[in-house]
Amino acid sequence: MRLTAKSEYGLLAMIDLASRPLGSPVSAREISESQAIPSKFLEQLLSTLRKAGLVSA
């Protein structure tokens, strides 16, 4: 199965969040650095995920 870069980065961000202790705050910068996702792109992705109710601000 082939994923778009946006889909792949979104999954990586969600996996990163799921691997952390429940309820522990994490910055977009931390996710960006640990998953090698461009920070500006990640900010857009997180906004989309937030609107979908998958992550909270």
PDB file of N, CA and C in Angstrom:
ATOM      1  N   MET A   1       0.848  -1.169   0.000  1.00  0.00           N
ATOM      2  CA  MET A   1       0.000   0.000   0.000  1.00  0.00           C
ATOM      3  C   MET A   1       0.896   1.236   0.000  1.00  0.00           C
ATOM      4  N   ARG A   2       0.539   2.184  -0.803  1.00  0.00           N
ATOM      5  CA  ARG A   2       1.302   3.424  -0.882  1.00  0.00           C
ATOM      6  C   ARG A   2       0.542   4.533  -0.164  1.00  0.00           C
ATOM      7  N   LEU A   3       1.285   5.302   0.592  1.00  0.00           N
ATOM      8  CA  LEU A   3       0.709   6.436   1.312  1.00  0.00           C
ATOM      9  C   LEU A   3       1.303   7.724   0.779  1.00  0.00           C
ATOM     10  N   THR A   4       0.522   8.784   0.829  1.00  0.00           N
ATOM     11  CA  THR A   4       1.069  10.088   0.496  1.00  0.00           C
ATOM     12  C   THR A   4       1.989  10.519   1.633  1.00  0.00           C
ATOM     13  N   ALA A   5       2.847  11.477   1.354  1.00  0.00           N
ATOM     14  CA  ALA A   5       3.739  11.994   2.396  1.00  0.00           C
ATOM     15  C   ALA A   5       2.918  12.548   3.559  1.00  0.00           C
ATOM     16  N   LYS A   6       1.828  13.222   3.243  1.00  0.00           N
ATOM     17  CA  LYS A   6       0.977  13.794   4.288  1.00  0.00           C
ATOM     18  C   LYS A   6       0.405  12.696   5.177  1.00  0.00           C
ATOM     19  N   SER A   7      -0.071  11.617   4.563  1.00  0.00           N
ATOM     20  CA  SER A   7      -0.619  10.496   5.337  1.00  0.00           C
ATOM     21  C   SER A   7       0.452   9.835   6.185  1.00  0.00           C
ATOM     22  N   GLU A   8       1.615   9.630   5.592  1.00  0.00           N
ATOM     23  CA  GLU A   8       2.711   8.988   6.326  1.00  0.00           C
ATOM     24  C   GLU A   8       3.134   9.834   7.520  1.00  0.00           C
ATOM     25  N   TYR A   9       3.294  11.122   7.307  1.00  0.00           N
ATOM     26  CA  TYR A   9       3.686  12.007   8.401  1.00  0.00           C
ATOM     27  C   TYR A   9       2.604  12.057   9.478  1.00  0.00           C
ATOM     28  N   GLY A  10       1.338  12.063   9.059  1.00  0.00           N
ATOM     29  CA  GLY A  10       0.244  12.059  10.024  1.00  0.00           C
ATOM     30  C   GLY A  10       0.265  10.808  10.889  1.00  0.00           C
ATOM     31  N   LEU A  11       0.504   9.665  10.265  1.00  0.00           N
ATOM     32  CA  LEU A  11       0.600   8.411  11.019  1.00  0.00           C
ATOM     33  C   LEU A  11       1.793   8.422  11.961  1.00  0.00           C
ATOM     34  N   LEU A  12       2.921   8.923  11.487  1.00  0.00           N
ATOM     35  CA  LEU A  12       4.107   8.995  12.345  1.00  0.00           C
ATOM     36  C   LEU A  12       3.847   9.877  13.564  1.00  0.00           C
ATOM     37  N   ALA A  13       3.174  10.998  13.345  1.00  0.00           N
ATOM     38  CA  ALA A  13       2.860  11.898  14.463  1.00  0.00           C
ATOM     39  C   ALA A  13       1.930  11.213  15.459  1.00  0.00           C
ATOM     40  N   MET A  14       0.915  10.511  14.964  1.00  0.00           N
ATOM     41  CA  MET A  14      -0.022   9.817  15.844  1.00  0.00           C
ATOM     42  C   MET A  14       0.668   8.680  16.604  1.00  0.00           C
ATOM     43  N   ILE A  15       1.556   7.957  15.943  1.00  0.00           N
ATOM     44  CA  ILE A  15       2.305   6.887  16.609  1.00  0.00           C
ATOM     45  C   ILE A  15       3.192   7.470  17.697  1.00  0.00           C
ATOM     46  N   ASP A  16       3.841   8.593  17.385  1.00  0.00           N
ATOM     47  CA  ASP A  16       4.697   9.246  18.377  1.00  0.00           C
ATOM     48  C   ASP A  16       3.875   9.640  19.605  1.00  0.00           C
ATOM     49  N   LEU A  17       2.721  10.234  19.374  1.00  0.00           N
ATOM     50  CA  LEU A  17       1.862  10.640  20.494  1.00  0.00           C
ATOM     51  C   LEU A  17       1.390   9.434  21.298  1.00  0.00           C
ATOM     52  N   ALA A  18       1.045   8.358  20.620  1.00  0.00           N
ATOM     53  CA  ALA A  18       0.548   7.159  21.303  1.00  0.00           C
ATOM     54  C   ALA A  18       1.633   6.472  22.120  1.00  0.00           C
ATOM     55  N   SER A  19       2.886   6.686  21.755  1.00  0.00           N
ATOM     56  CA  SER A  19       3.981   6.019  22.465  1.00  0.00           C
ATOM     57  C   SER A  19       4.379   6.742  23.751  1.00  0.00           C
ATOM     58  N   ARG A  20       3.821   7.901  23.965  1.00  0.00           N
ATOM     59  CA  ARG A  20       4.153   8.696  25.155  1.00  0.00           C
ATOM     60  C   ARG A  20       3.158   8.399  26.276  1.00  0.00           C
ATOM     61  N   PRO A  21       3.542   8.688  27.520  1.00  0.00           N
ATOM     62  CA  PRO A  21       2.612   8.464  28.637  1.00  0.00           C
ATOM     63  C   PRO A  21       1.311   9.249  28.435  1.00  0.00           C
ATOM     64  N   LEU A  22       0.204   8.629  28.768  1.00  0.00           N
ATOM     65  CA  LEU A  22      -1.111   9.227  28.591  1.00  0.00           C
ATOM     66  C   LEU A  22      -1.200  10.575  29.302  1.00  0.00           C
ATOM     67  N   GLY A  23      -1.625  11.583  28.578  1.00  0.00           N
ATOM     68  CA  GLY A  23      -1.822  12.900  29.154  1.00  0.00           C
ATOM     69  C   GLY A  23      -0.579  13.759  29.279  1.00  0.00           C
ATOM     70  N   SER A  24       0.577  13.218  28.897  1.00  0.00           N
ATOM     71  CA  SER A  24       1.796  14.022  29.011  1.00  0.00           C
ATOM     72  C   SER A  24       1.872  14.990  27.835  1.00  0.00           C
ATOM     73  N   PRO A  25       2.092  16.262  28.125  1.00  0.00           N
ATOM     74  CA  PRO A  25       2.164  17.241  27.045  1.00  0.00           C
ATOM     75  C   PRO A  25       3.421  17.041  26.203  1.00  0.00           C
ATOM     76  N   VAL A  26       3.291  17.306  24.926  1.00  0.00           N
ATOM     77  CA  VAL A  26       4.419  17.204  24.005  1.00  0.00           C
ATOM     78  C   VAL A  26       4.281  18.333  22.985  1.00  0.00           C
ATOM     79  N   SER A  27       5.384  18.937  22.643  1.00  0.00           N
ATOM     80  CA  SER A  27       5.340  20.031  21.679  1.00  0.00           C
ATOM     81  C   SER A  27       5.468  19.495  20.256  1.00  0.00           C
ATOM     82  N   ALA A  28       4.976  20.283  19.327  1.00  0.00           N
ATOM     83  CA  ALA A  28       5.111  19.925  17.912  1.00  0.00           C
ATOM     84  C   ALA A  28       6.587  19.813  17.548  1.00  0.00           C
ATOM     85  N   ARG A  29       7.385  20.635  18.157  1.00  0.00           N
ATOM     86  CA  ARG A  29       8.828  20.601  17.870  1.00  0.00           C
ATOM     87  C   ARG A  29       9.443  19.251  18.270  1.00  0.00           C
ATOM     88  N   GLU A  30       9.030  18.731  19.426  1.00  0.00           N
ATOM     89  CA  GLU A  30       9.538  17.425  19.870  1.00  0.00           C
ATOM     90  C   GLU A  30       9.157  16.325  18.877  1.00  0.00           C
ATOM     91  N   ILE A  31       7.908  16.347  18.427  1.00  0.00           N
ATOM     92  CA  ILE A  31       7.459  15.350  17.454  1.00  0.00           C
ATOM     93  C   ILE A  31       8.219  15.526  16.147  1.00  0.00           C
ATOM     94  N   SER A  32       8.356  16.764  15.719  1.00  0.00           N
ATOM     95  CA  SER A  32       9.069  17.060  14.479  1.00  0.00           C
ATOM     96  C   SER A  32      10.488  16.517  14.509  1.00  0.00           C
ATOM     97  N   GLU A  33      11.167  16.739  15.613  1.00  0.00           N
ATOM     98  CA  GLU A  33      12.554  16.285  15.731  1.00  0.00           C
ATOM     99  C   GLU A  33      12.654  14.765  15.843  1.00  0.00           C
ATOM    100  N   SER A  34      11.778  14.155  16.616  1.00  0.00           N
ATOM    101  CA  SER A  34      11.887  12.705  16.822  1.00  0.00           C
ATOM    102  C   SER A  34      11.459  11.904  15.599  1.00  0.00           C
ATOM    103  N   GLN A  35      10.574  12.466  14.782  1.00  0.00           N
ATOM    104  CA  GLN A  35      10.077  11.739  13.612  1.00  0.00           C
ATOM    105  C   GLN A  35      10.619  12.279  12.284  1.00  0.00           C
ATOM    106  N   ALA A  36      11.485  13.275  12.343  1.00  0.00           N
ATOM    107  CA  ALA A  36      12.063  13.897  11.138  1.00  0.00           C
ATOM    108  C   ALA A  36      10.971  14.397  10.184  1.00  0.00           C
ATOM    109  N   ILE A  37      10.003  15.094  10.764  1.00  0.00           N
ATOM    110  CA  ILE A  37       8.924  15.691   9.978  1.00  0.00           C
ATOM    111  C   ILE A  37       9.183  17.193   9.932  1.00  0.00           C
ATOM    112  N   PRO A  38       9.162  17.805   8.745  1.00  0.00           N
ATOM    113  CA  PRO A  38       9.355  19.258   8.674  1.00  0.00           C
ATOM    114  C   PRO A  38       8.349  19.976   9.581  1.00  0.00           C
ATOM    115  N   SER A  39       8.842  20.896  10.397  1.00  0.00           N
ATOM    116  CA  SER A  39       8.001  21.510  11.428  1.00  0.00           C
ATOM    117  C   SER A  39       6.792  22.258  10.865  1.00  0.00           C
ATOM    118  N   LYS A  40       6.954  22.994   9.797  1.00  0.00           N
ATOM    119  CA  LYS A  40       5.818  23.731   9.224  1.00  0.00           C
ATOM    120  C   LYS A  40       4.750  22.765   8.725  1.00  0.00           C
ATOM    121  N   PHE A  41       5.185  21.683   8.111  1.00  0.00           N
ATOM    122  CA  PHE A  41       4.256  20.669   7.616  1.00  0.00           C
ATOM    123  C   PHE A  41       3.537  20.002   8.783  1.00  0.00           C
ATOM    124  N   LEU A  42       4.260  19.712   9.847  1.00  0.00           N
ATOM    125  CA  LEU A  42       3.665  19.075  11.020  1.00  0.00           C
ATOM    126  C   LEU A  42       2.624  19.981  11.659  1.00  0.00           C
ATOM    127  N   GLU A  43       2.888  21.262  11.720  1.00  0.00           N
ATOM    128  CA  GLU A  43       1.918  22.195  12.298  1.00  0.00           C
ATOM    129  C   GLU A  43       0.600  22.142  11.535  1.00  0.00           C
ATOM    130  N   GLN A  44       0.674  22.072  10.208  1.00  0.00           N
ATOM    131  CA  GLN A  44      -0.533  21.971   9.385  1.00  0.00           C
ATOM    132  C   GLN A  44      -1.255  20.647   9.649  1.00  0.00           C
ATOM    133  N   LEU A  45      -0.476  19.572   9.746  1.00  0.00           N
ATOM    134  CA  LEU A  45      -1.061  18.258  10.016  1.00  0.00           C
ATOM    135  C   LEU A  45      -1.753  18.222  11.370  1.00  0.00           C
ATOM    136  N   LEU A  46      -1.097  18.756  12.374  1.00  0.00           N
ATOM    137  CA  LEU A  46      -1.677  18.751  13.718  1.00  0.00           C
ATOM    138  C   LEU A  46      -2.961  19.571  13.764  1.00  0.00           C
ATOM    139  N   SER A  47      -3.012  20.639  12.994  1.00  0.00           N
ATOM    140  CA  SER A  47      -4.231  21.440  12.917  1.00  0.00           C
ATOM    141  C   SER A  47      -5.371  20.610  12.329  1.00  0.00           C
ATOM    142  N   THR A  48      -5.079  19.860  11.283  1.00  0.00           N
ATOM    143  CA  THR A  48      -6.079  18.984  10.665  1.00  0.00           C
ATOM    144  C   THR A  48      -6.522  17.903  11.647  1.00  0.00           C
ATOM    145  N   LEU A  49      -5.561  17.298  12.341  1.00  0.00           N
ATOM    146  CA  LEU A  49      -5.881  16.253  13.316  1.00  0.00           C
ATOM    147  C   LEU A  49      -6.688  16.816  14.486  1.00  0.00           C
ATOM    148  N   ARG A  50      -6.396  18.054  14.877  1.00  0.00           N
ATOM    149  CA  ARG A  50      -7.129  18.709  15.962  1.00  0.00           C
ATOM    150  C   ARG A  50      -8.585  18.936  15.545  1.00  0.00           C
ATOM    151  N   LYS A  51      -8.783  19.427  14.313  1.00  0.00           N
ATOM    152  CA  LYS A  51     -10.141  19.676  13.818  1.00  0.00           C
ATOM    153  C   LYS A  51     -10.944  18.383  13.717  1.00  0.00           C
ATOM    154  N   ALA A  52     -10.252  17.277  13.453  1.00  0.00           N
ATOM    155  CA  ALA A  52     -10.915  15.970  13.359  1.00  0.00           C
ATOM    156  C   ALA A  52     -11.150  15.351  14.735  1.00  0.00           C
ATOM    157  N   GLY A  53     -10.655  16.006  15.788  1.00  0.00           N
ATOM    158  CA  GLY A  53     -10.844  15.507  17.145  1.00  0.00           C
ATOM    159  C   GLY A  53      -9.900  14.382  17.533  1.00  0.00           C
ATOM    160  N   LEU A  54      -8.813  14.213  16.782  1.00  0.00           N
ATOM    161  CA  LEU A  54      -7.866  13.139  17.063  1.00  0.00           C
ATOM    162  C   LEU A  54      -6.762  13.547  18.025  1.00  0.00           C
ATOM    163  N   VAL A  55      -6.489  14.837  18.122  1.00  0.00           N
ATOM    164  CA  VAL A  55      -5.516  15.347  19.090  1.00  0.00           C
ATOM    165  C   VAL A  55      -6.115  16.592  19.728  1.00  0.00           C
ATOM    166  N   SER A  56      -5.602  16.959  20.889  1.00  0.00           N
ATOM    167  CA  SER A  56      -6.071  18.183  21.542  1.00  0.00           C
ATOM    168  C   SER A  56      -4.917  19.165  21.626  1.00  0.00           C
ATOM    169  N   ALA A  57      -5.288  20.423  21.683  1.00  0.00           N
ATOM    170  CA  ALA A  57      -4.274  21.480  21.707  1.00  0.00           C
ATOM    171  C   ALA A  57      -3.626  21.575  23.060  1.00  0.00           C
TER     172      ALA A  57
END
